[in-house]
Amino acid sequence: MKTNHNNGSEEGQFGDHCPVIIIGGGHAGLSISHCLKGRGIDHVIFEKERLGESWRTKRWDSFCLVTPNWQCQLPGFHYSGDDPDGFMKKDEIVAYIEAYAQSFQPPLREGVTVSRLAQDEAGRFVVSTSIGDYLADQVVVATGGYQVPSVPRIAERLPAMVSQMLSSDYKNPELIGPGEVLVVGSGQSGCQIAEDLHLAGRRVHLCVGGAPRTARRYRGKDVVAWLHEMGYYDKPIHEHPLKERVRAKANHYVTGRDGGRDIDLRRLATEGMKLYGRLTDINGKLLKFAEDLKQNLDQADAVAESIKNTIDKFIESAGIGAPTEERYRPVWEPSNQVLELDYIPAGIRTVIWSVGYRTDYSWIEVPIFDGKGYPAHQRGVTTVPGLYFLGLPWQYTWGSGRFSGIARDATFLADYMEARRG
């Protein structure tokens, strides 16, 4: 193995063979590394960029966690700061990741791109990288579930006079050129970016999709705390009513900004933000929207209220003395939904695409995918012996892939890999 500049391991320790290769050096890759190191299992992590690169460069400047700091529970490294109920900002998240790596010195190789994963005739894994080819007995793919930003093909129809960017490229309102801004997508990123622009005094147009929302707090606690107490983050996927289909559902939008609060799109509309239904087409100078704005707002509110209903039942059944709270009342209704908009007189000069991410496993040449290109697995264990995934949304529970639940999944895989090694 080539020299490891991060932990000083000797060149040639494994040669071109390594017992375990971990692909991806984010919090998932670090978590499984921590668990393997504790079991004395030799391994190496290949990270194509820097430690914590996504947090450093693919988040906007005001980005912060949407779950409380106390949920940051990486294996052997729980949050220990003085603001457990707060929400770490981007730089603090990077510092947390760096401190985690410093705490156990993982065998991390940064700047190493993996271009191919295959098997040889003996069934060993062949990992082709930018620094050479390696053989491995076991491989953990820890590249996460949010890899490539999705952009609809209709984006091609916008002229050069309209600046376009991905949500992962957005940094702050000051770097956006003059004119009004259209944000397409109302998931977590879309809503928070739209709010960021709105708070800076920019004129914002938002295409609202079907993402659900949740209240930040209810009856004296953060909603996340109630859900944690009720065991929702620990519920296995096979116990969810939607089973595996839940993996395709959008996360609830809410924010941890300024200590945490709701994102109420209706309130933002009363303050001047323009709301539309889903963007369905771009025809010449016309943006065309579905007539589903009211439906999408109502459904998002219904989800938020259903969560409160569940909390109410839990409080009552457990005999908890919690304060009562007045329920949400909509402050705005879309009277006449706009179905077409000429973006030139509307003054729209920037479009920010925030319509989700897709995975890219084109570099994996091992037959472990289902008909939709998703890796078939049970708790991260694929049908090909020795090949695993870690860090996927809903890999096993709602907490999977998050700072809160990655330890359970990493521990399970490390135990499985240790048993397989014999």
Protein backbone atom coordinates (compact mmCIF):
# COMPACT_ATOMS: atom_id res chain seq x y z
CA MET A 1 0.00 0.00 0.00
CA LYS A 2 1.26 3.45 -0.83
CA THR A 3 2.34 5.80 1.94
CA ASN A 4 -0.49 6.98 4.16
CA HIS A 5 0.22 10.61 4.92
CA ASN A 6 -2.53 10.72 7.53
CA ASN A 7 -1.52 7.98 9.94
CA GLY A 8 2.07 7.27 8.99
CA SER A 9 1.59 3.61 8.14
CA GLU A 10 4.55 2.12 6.34
CA GLU A 11 4.62 1.82 2.59
CA GLY A 12 4.15 -1.77 1.51
CA GLN A 13 2.19 -2.79 4.61
CA PHE A 14 -0.33 -4.60 2.42
CA GLY A 15 1.31 -4.33 -1.01
CA ASP A 16 -1.45 -4.04 -3.59
CA HIS A 17 -3.78 -6.04 -1.38
CA CYS A 18 -5.79 -4.74 1.55
CA PRO A 19 -8.11 -6.81 3.75
CA VAL A 20 -10.79 -4.10 3.70
CA ILE A 21 -11.18 -1.03 1.49
CA ILE A 22 -13.64 1.70 2.46
CA ILE A 23 -14.74 3.94 -0.41
CA GLY A 24 -15.72 7.37 0.88
CA GLY A 25 -14.29 9.37 3.77
CA GLY A 26 -17.39 11.13 5.03
CA HIS A 27 -18.98 10.46 8.41
CA ALA A 28 -20.10 6.99 7.23
CA GLY A 29 -16.62 5.97 6.11
CA LEU A 30 -15.07 7.31 9.29
CA SER A 31 -17.66 5.51 11.41
CA ILE A 32 -16.99 2.08 9.93
CA SER A 33 -13.24 2.79 10.14
CA HIS A 34 -13.58 3.51 13.86
CA CYS A 35 -15.46 0.24 14.38
CA LEU A 36 -13.01 -1.82 12.32
CA LYS A 37 -9.99 -0.30 14.04
CA GLY A 38 -11.46 -1.21 17.40
CA ARG A 39 -11.68 -4.82 16.23
CA GLY A 40 -8.12 -4.89 14.92
CA ILE A 41 -9.19 -5.23 11.28
CA ASP A 42 -6.72 -3.67 8.84
CA HIS A 43 -8.28 -1.36 6.28
CA VAL A 44 -7.83 1.81 4.27
CA ILE A 45 -10.22 4.63 3.35
CA PHE A 46 -10.12 6.18 -0.11
CA GLU A 47 -11.61 9.69 -0.19
CA LYS A 48 -11.66 11.45 -3.56
CA GLU A 49 -11.47 14.94 -2.09
CA ARG A 50 -10.81 16.19 1.45
CA LEU A 51 -12.16 15.10 4.77
CA GLY A 52 -15.60 16.69 5.12
CA GLU A 53 -15.51 18.09 1.59
CA SER A 54 -19.29 18.13 1.09
CA TRP A 55 -19.76 20.10 4.29
CA ARG A 56 -16.99 22.51 3.30
CA THR A 57 -17.88 23.32 -0.29
CA LYS A 58 -21.35 22.02 -1.12
CA ARG A 59 -23.34 23.90 1.52
CA TRP A 60 -24.30 27.56 1.62
CA ASP A 61 -22.67 29.94 4.08
CA SER A 62 -25.57 30.09 6.57
CA PHE A 63 -26.12 26.32 6.50
CA CYS A 64 -26.68 24.59 9.82
CA LEU A 65 -28.00 21.25 11.01
CA VAL A 66 -31.76 20.73 11.14
CA THR A 67 -31.46 18.22 13.98
CA PRO A 68 -30.15 19.20 17.45
CA ASN A 69 -26.48 18.81 18.26
CA TRP A 70 -27.17 16.09 20.83
CA GLN A 71 -28.11 13.82 17.93
CA CYS A 72 -24.51 13.92 16.71
CA GLN A 73 -23.52 10.48 17.98
CA LEU A 74 -20.75 9.12 15.80
CA PRO A 75 -19.20 5.88 17.13
CA GLY A 76 -17.08 6.76 20.15
CA PHE A 77 -17.53 10.48 19.60
CA HIS A 78 -20.80 11.97 20.80
CA TYR A 79 -21.32 15.73 20.79
CA SER A 80 -19.81 17.17 23.97
CA GLY A 81 -20.16 20.91 23.43
CA ASP A 82 -22.06 23.42 25.53
CA ASP A 83 -25.07 23.75 23.21
CA PRO A 84 -26.67 20.29 22.90
CA ASP A 85 -30.05 21.72 21.91
CA GLY A 86 -28.53 24.06 19.32
CA PHE A 87 -27.74 23.45 15.67
CA MET A 88 -24.14 23.44 14.49
CA LYS A 89 -23.25 25.75 11.63
CA LYS A 90 -21.28 24.59 8.63
CA ASP A 91 -17.83 25.40 10.01
CA GLU A 92 -18.69 23.75 13.33
CA ILE A 93 -19.78 20.59 11.51
CA VAL A 94 -16.45 20.47 9.68
CA ALA A 95 -14.63 20.96 12.99
CA TYR A 96 -16.67 18.12 14.53
CA ILE A 97 -15.72 15.78 11.66
CA GLU A 98 -12.06 16.81 11.87
CA ALA A 99 -12.00 16.28 15.63
CA TYR A 100 -13.55 12.85 15.15
CA ALA A 101 -10.82 11.82 12.72
CA GLN A 102 -8.16 13.24 15.03
CA SER A 103 -9.54 11.19 17.92
CA PHE A 104 -8.66 7.81 16.38
CA GLN A 105 -6.38 8.57 13.39
CA PRO A 106 -8.10 6.56 10.64
CA PRO A 107 -6.02 5.18 7.73
CA LEU A 108 -7.41 7.83 5.40
CA ARG A 109 -6.07 8.50 1.90
CA GLU A 110 -7.38 11.84 0.64
CA GLY A 111 -7.39 12.88 -3.00
CA VAL A 112 -7.80 9.29 -4.22
CA THR A 113 -10.58 8.71 -6.74
CA VAL A 114 -12.07 5.25 -7.15
CA SER A 115 -13.07 4.76 -10.78
CA ARG A 116 -14.03 1.08 -10.81
CA LEU A 117 -15.06 -1.70 -8.47
CA ALA A 118 -15.16 -5.20 -9.92
CA GLN A 119 -14.26 -8.81 -9.06
CA ASP A 120 -11.56 -11.06 -10.44
CA GLU A 121 -12.00 -14.72 -11.29
CA ALA A 122 -11.15 -15.69 -7.72
CA GLY A 123 -13.93 -13.49 -6.36
CA ARG A 124 -11.58 -10.91 -4.89
CA PHE A 125 -12.53 -7.27 -5.27
CA VAL A 126 -10.55 -5.17 -7.71
CA VAL A 127 -10.57 -1.48 -6.79
CA SER A 128 -9.21 0.80 -9.51
CA THR A 129 -8.06 4.17 -8.20
CA SER A 130 -6.18 7.26 -9.32
CA ILE A 131 -3.07 5.86 -7.59
CA GLY A 132 -3.32 2.31 -8.91
CA ASP A 133 -5.29 -0.91 -8.63
CA TYR A 134 -5.84 -2.74 -5.36
CA LEU A 135 -7.25 -6.09 -4.33
CA ALA A 136 -9.51 -6.40 -1.30
CA ASP A 137 -11.23 -9.21 0.55
CA GLN A 138 -14.06 -6.94 1.66
CA VAL A 139 -15.28 -3.53 0.47
CA VAL A 140 -17.54 -0.96 2.11
CA VAL A 141 -19.14 1.59 -0.22
CA ALA A 142 -19.68 4.65 1.99
CA THR A 143 -20.32 7.29 -0.64
CA GLY A 144 -23.73 8.26 0.76
CA GLY A 145 -27.13 8.53 -0.85
CA TYR A 146 -26.89 12.11 -2.12
CA GLN A 147 -24.24 12.10 -4.83
CA VAL A 148 -25.29 13.84 -8.05
CA PRO A 149 -27.67 16.83 -8.10
CA SER A 150 -30.70 16.28 -10.31
CA VAL A 151 -31.49 18.85 -12.99
CA PRO A 152 -34.57 18.48 -15.22
CA ARG A 153 -33.95 18.60 -18.97
CA ILE A 154 -36.18 21.66 -19.30
CA ALA A 155 -33.31 23.67 -17.81
CA GLU A 156 -31.78 23.61 -21.30
CA ARG A 157 -34.57 25.89 -22.53
CA LEU A 158 -33.53 28.88 -20.45
CA PRO A 159 -31.43 31.45 -22.34
CA ALA A 160 -27.93 32.51 -21.35
CA MET A 161 -29.31 35.75 -19.91
CA VAL A 162 -30.77 33.69 -17.06
CA SER A 163 -28.06 32.47 -14.71
CA GLN A 164 -28.54 28.91 -13.46
CA MET A 165 -26.99 27.12 -10.51
CA LEU A 166 -27.44 24.03 -8.37
CA SER A 167 -28.37 24.29 -4.72
CA SER A 168 -24.99 22.72 -3.92
CA ASP A 169 -23.27 25.69 -5.61
CA TYR A 170 -25.27 28.39 -3.83
CA LYS A 171 -23.26 30.27 -1.18
CA ASN A 172 -25.01 33.51 -0.21
CA PRO A 173 -27.30 36.25 -1.58
CA GLU A 174 -24.40 38.63 -2.20
CA LEU A 175 -22.97 36.33 -4.88
CA ILE A 176 -26.25 36.20 -6.80
CA GLY A 177 -26.46 38.70 -9.64
CA PRO A 178 -29.10 41.43 -9.88
CA GLY A 179 -32.72 40.59 -10.54
CA GLU A 180 -35.28 38.30 -8.99
CA VAL A 181 -34.53 34.66 -8.15
CA LEU A 182 -36.55 31.53 -8.90
CA VAL A 183 -35.89 28.57 -6.59
CA VAL A 184 -37.19 25.29 -8.02
CA GLY A 185 -37.91 22.75 -5.29
CA SER A 186 -39.18 23.06 -1.74
CA GLY A 187 -37.33 20.33 0.10
CA GLN A 188 -34.95 21.16 2.93
CA SER A 189 -32.37 22.87 0.72
CA GLY A 190 -34.86 24.71 -1.49
CA CYS A 191 -36.84 26.13 1.41
CA GLN A 192 -33.77 27.18 3.37
CA ILE A 193 -32.12 28.81 0.35
CA ALA A 194 -35.35 30.63 -0.53
CA GLU A 195 -35.57 31.87 3.07
CA ASP A 196 -31.90 32.90 3.04
CA LEU A 197 -32.47 35.04 -0.03
CA HIS A 198 -35.74 36.41 1.34
CA LEU A 199 -34.16 37.47 4.63
CA ALA A 200 -31.49 39.32 2.66
CA GLY A 201 -34.17 41.37 0.95
CA ARG A 202 -34.08 39.59 -2.41
CA ARG A 203 -37.25 39.08 -4.45
CA VAL A 204 -37.84 35.33 -4.45
CA HIS A 205 -40.11 33.03 -6.47
CA LEU A 206 -40.47 29.45 -5.16
CA CYS A 207 -41.85 26.39 -6.93
CA VAL A 208 -43.48 24.31 -4.20
CA GLY A 209 -43.42 20.53 -4.53
CA GLY A 210 -44.69 17.73 -2.34
CA ALA A 211 -42.09 17.79 0.45
CA PRO A 212 -43.64 17.56 3.93
CA ARG A 213 -42.88 19.95 6.75
CA THR A 214 -42.65 19.67 10.51
CA ALA A 215 -42.87 22.11 13.38
CA ARG A 216 -39.57 22.94 15.07
CA ARG A 217 -40.99 22.71 18.58
CA TYR A 218 -44.21 21.49 20.12
CA ARG A 219 -45.46 21.27 23.69
CA GLY A 220 -42.23 22.30 25.33
CA LYS A 221 -39.71 20.29 23.29
CA ASP A 222 -38.04 20.15 19.94
CA VAL A 223 -40.10 17.82 17.76
CA VAL A 224 -36.93 15.78 17.12
CA ALA A 225 -36.67 15.15 20.87
CA TRP A 226 -40.26 13.87 20.99
CA LEU A 227 -39.70 11.61 17.97
CA HIS A 228 -36.48 10.31 19.52
CA GLU A 229 -38.24 9.60 22.80
CA MET A 230 -40.97 7.73 20.93
CA GLY A 231 -38.39 5.59 19.13
CA TYR A 232 -39.11 6.82 15.62
CA TYR A 233 -35.44 7.11 14.65
CA ASP A 234 -34.90 3.50 15.75
CA LYS A 235 -37.82 1.96 13.87
CA PRO A 236 -36.59 -0.57 11.27
CA ILE A 237 -37.65 -0.03 7.69
CA HIS A 238 -39.62 -3.28 7.57
CA GLU A 239 -41.89 -1.88 10.30
CA HIS A 240 -42.66 1.28 8.33
CA PRO A 241 -46.03 1.20 6.52
CA LEU A 242 -44.34 2.05 3.21
CA LYS A 243 -41.51 -0.46 3.67
CA GLU A 244 -38.70 0.19 1.12
CA ARG A 245 -40.78 2.82 -0.70
CA VAL A 246 -40.10 5.25 2.15
CA ARG A 247 -36.55 5.66 0.83
CA ALA A 248 -37.92 7.77 -2.03
CA LYS A 249 -39.75 10.19 0.27
CA ALA A 250 -38.44 13.72 0.79
CA ASN A 251 -37.31 14.82 4.24
CA HIS A 252 -39.45 17.27 6.22
CA TYR A 253 -38.46 20.89 5.85
CA VAL A 254 -37.61 22.90 8.96
CA THR A 255 -34.57 24.93 9.97
CA GLY A 256 -32.04 25.18 12.79
CA ARG A 257 -31.17 28.76 11.85
CA ASP A 258 -31.09 31.36 14.63
CA GLY A 259 -31.72 28.72 17.27
CA GLY A 260 -34.27 26.82 15.22
CA ARG A 261 -37.74 27.64 13.91
CA ASP A 262 -40.46 26.54 11.53
CA ILE A 263 -40.27 27.32 7.85
CA ASP A 264 -43.78 28.55 7.09
CA LEU A 265 -44.09 29.15 3.37
CA ARG A 266 -47.48 30.75 3.87
CA ARG A 267 -45.98 33.36 6.18
CA LEU A 268 -43.20 34.01 3.68
CA ALA A 269 -45.90 34.57 1.05
CA THR A 270 -47.46 37.28 3.21
CA GLU A 271 -44.02 38.92 3.30
CA GLY A 272 -43.71 39.03 -0.47
CA MET A 273 -42.32 35.68 -1.58
CA LYS A 274 -44.10 34.42 -4.71
CA LEU A 275 -45.26 30.80 -4.50
CA TYR A 276 -46.20 28.52 -7.40
CA GLY A 277 -46.95 24.85 -7.94
CA ARG A 278 -44.44 22.47 -9.48
CA LEU A 279 -42.55 23.71 -12.53
CA THR A 280 -43.80 21.55 -15.40
CA ASP A 281 -42.48 23.21 -18.54
CA ILE A 282 -40.54 26.10 -20.04
CA ASN A 283 -42.00 27.24 -23.34
CA GLY A 284 -40.20 30.20 -24.85
CA LYS A 285 -40.40 32.99 -22.28
CA LEU A 286 -43.12 31.23 -20.28
CA LEU A 287 -42.63 29.23 -17.10
CA LYS A 288 -45.51 26.79 -16.67
CA PHE A 289 -46.64 25.49 -13.29
CA ALA A 290 -48.93 22.71 -12.13
CA GLU A 291 -52.15 23.74 -10.40
CA ASP A 292 -51.09 22.03 -7.18
CA LEU A 293 -49.81 24.83 -4.94
CA LYS A 294 -52.76 24.70 -2.54
CA GLN A 295 -52.66 20.91 -2.48
CA ASN A 296 -48.93 20.86 -1.71
CA LEU A 297 -49.20 23.48 1.05
CA ASP A 298 -52.20 21.72 2.59
CA GLN A 299 -50.47 18.34 2.49
CA ALA A 300 -47.29 19.73 4.08
CA ASP A 301 -49.40 21.24 6.88
CA ALA A 302 -51.33 17.98 7.29
CA VAL A 303 -48.08 16.07 7.83
CA ALA A 304 -46.90 18.60 10.42
CA GLU A 305 -50.22 18.36 12.26
CA SER A 306 -50.23 14.56 12.12
CA ILE A 307 -46.85 14.56 13.85
CA LYS A 308 -48.34 16.74 16.57
CA ASN A 309 -51.27 14.31 16.89
CA THR A 310 -48.82 11.46 17.41
CA ILE A 311 -46.98 13.47 20.06
CA ASP A 312 -50.28 14.28 21.81
CA LYS A 313 -51.15 10.58 22.00
CA PHE A 314 -47.71 9.73 23.35
CA ILE A 315 -47.90 12.43 26.02
CA GLU A 316 -51.32 11.22 27.10
CA SER A 317 -50.45 7.52 27.15
CA ALA A 318 -47.19 8.12 29.04
CA GLY A 319 -48.78 10.52 31.51
CA ILE A 320 -46.25 13.24 30.74
CA GLY A 321 -46.88 16.69 32.15
CA ALA A 322 -46.31 18.80 29.05
CA PRO A 323 -47.68 22.28 28.37
CA THR A 324 -50.53 22.59 25.90
CA GLU A 325 -50.10 24.56 22.71
CA GLU A 326 -52.44 26.20 20.24
CA ARG A 327 -52.48 24.46 16.89
CA TYR A 328 -51.25 25.96 13.66
CA ARG A 329 -53.62 28.12 11.64
CA PRO A 330 -52.79 28.96 8.01
CA VAL A 331 -51.98 32.64 7.60
CA TRP A 332 -52.28 32.68 3.81
CA GLU A 333 -54.15 30.86 1.07
CA PRO A 334 -53.38 30.91 -2.66
CA SER A 335 -56.46 32.58 -4.13
CA ASN A 336 -55.65 32.56 -7.84
CA GLN A 337 -52.87 30.14 -8.65
CA VAL A 338 -50.48 31.40 -11.31
CA LEU A 339 -50.06 28.73 -13.97
CA GLU A 340 -47.91 30.71 -16.41
CA LEU A 341 -45.29 33.38 -15.86
CA ASP A 342 -43.23 35.33 -18.37
CA TYR A 343 -39.88 35.41 -16.63
CA ILE A 344 -38.62 38.46 -18.53
CA PRO A 345 -41.12 41.08 -17.24
CA ALA A 346 -41.12 39.21 -13.90
CA GLY A 347 -37.46 40.18 -13.63
CA ILE A 348 -36.20 36.64 -12.97
CA ARG A 349 -32.49 36.56 -13.78
CA THR A 350 -31.36 33.59 -11.68
CA VAL A 351 -32.74 30.06 -11.31
CA ILE A 352 -31.54 27.81 -8.48
CA TRP A 353 -32.30 24.13 -9.03
CA SER A 354 -33.04 22.25 -5.82
CA VAL A 355 -34.91 19.17 -6.95
CA GLY A 356 -32.96 16.50 -5.12
CA TYR A 357 -30.09 14.15 -5.76
CA ARG A 358 -29.55 10.83 -7.46
CA THR A 359 -26.96 8.14 -6.93
CA ASP A 360 -24.26 7.24 -9.43
CA TYR A 361 -23.03 3.68 -9.15
CA SER A 362 -21.94 3.37 -12.78
CA TRP A 363 -18.41 2.64 -11.55
CA ILE A 364 -19.53 -0.50 -9.68
CA GLU A 365 -19.33 -3.55 -11.96
CA VAL A 366 -20.70 -6.06 -9.48
CA PRO A 367 -24.23 -7.48 -9.95
CA ILE A 368 -25.91 -6.25 -6.76
CA PHE A 369 -28.43 -3.72 -8.09
CA ASP A 370 -32.19 -3.98 -8.41
CA GLY A 371 -34.20 -2.93 -11.47
CA LYS A 372 -34.04 0.73 -10.45
CA GLY A 373 -30.28 0.81 -9.92
CA TYR A 374 -30.51 0.68 -6.12
CA PRO A 375 -28.13 -1.68 -4.30
CA ALA A 376 -30.06 -4.69 -3.04
CA HIS A 377 -29.06 -5.26 0.57
CA GLN A 378 -30.15 -6.24 4.05
CA ARG A 379 -28.82 -3.78 6.61
CA GLY A 380 -26.03 -2.91 4.19
CA VAL A 381 -25.05 -6.51 3.43
CA THR A 382 -25.39 -7.24 -0.30
CA THR A 383 -25.94 -10.57 -2.02
CA VAL A 384 -22.27 -10.61 -3.07
CA PRO A 385 -20.20 -11.86 -0.11
CA GLY A 386 -17.82 -9.21 1.16
CA LEU A 387 -19.51 -6.17 -0.40
CA TYR A 388 -21.36 -3.73 1.84
CA PHE A 389 -22.98 -0.29 1.81
CA LEU A 390 -23.10 2.22 4.63
CA GLY A 391 -24.64 5.66 5.01
CA LEU A 392 -27.71 5.19 2.83
CA PRO A 393 -30.95 6.95 3.83
CA TRP A 394 -33.22 4.43 5.53
CA GLN A 395 -30.52 1.76 5.22
CA TYR A 396 -32.09 0.13 8.28
CA THR A 397 -33.87 2.84 10.27
CA TRP A 398 -34.89 6.48 9.88
CA GLY A 399 -31.68 7.33 11.73
CA SER A 400 -29.53 5.50 9.16
CA GLY A 401 -27.20 7.76 7.26
CA ARG A 402 -27.58 10.51 9.85
CA PHE A 403 -25.19 11.48 12.62
CA SER A 404 -27.73 9.99 15.03
CA GLY A 405 -28.00 6.47 13.62
CA ILE A 406 -24.81 5.74 11.74
CA ALA A 407 -23.19 4.10 14.79
CA ARG A 408 -25.79 1.32 14.88
CA ASP A 409 -25.30 0.49 11.22
CA ALA A 410 -21.50 0.73 11.36
CA THR A 411 -21.34 -1.49 14.44
CA PHE A 412 -23.58 -4.08 12.80
CA LEU A 413 -21.44 -4.19 9.66
CA ALA A 414 -18.17 -4.31 11.59
CA ASP A 415 -19.45 -7.26 13.63
CA TYR A 416 -20.61 -8.99 10.44
CA MET A 417 -17.27 -8.39 8.73
CA GLU A 418 -15.33 -9.63 11.74
CA ALA A 419 -17.39 -12.82 11.83
CA ARG A 420 -16.88 -13.38 8.11
CA ARG A 421 -13.15 -12.93 8.50
CA GLY A 422 -13.19 -15.66 11.11
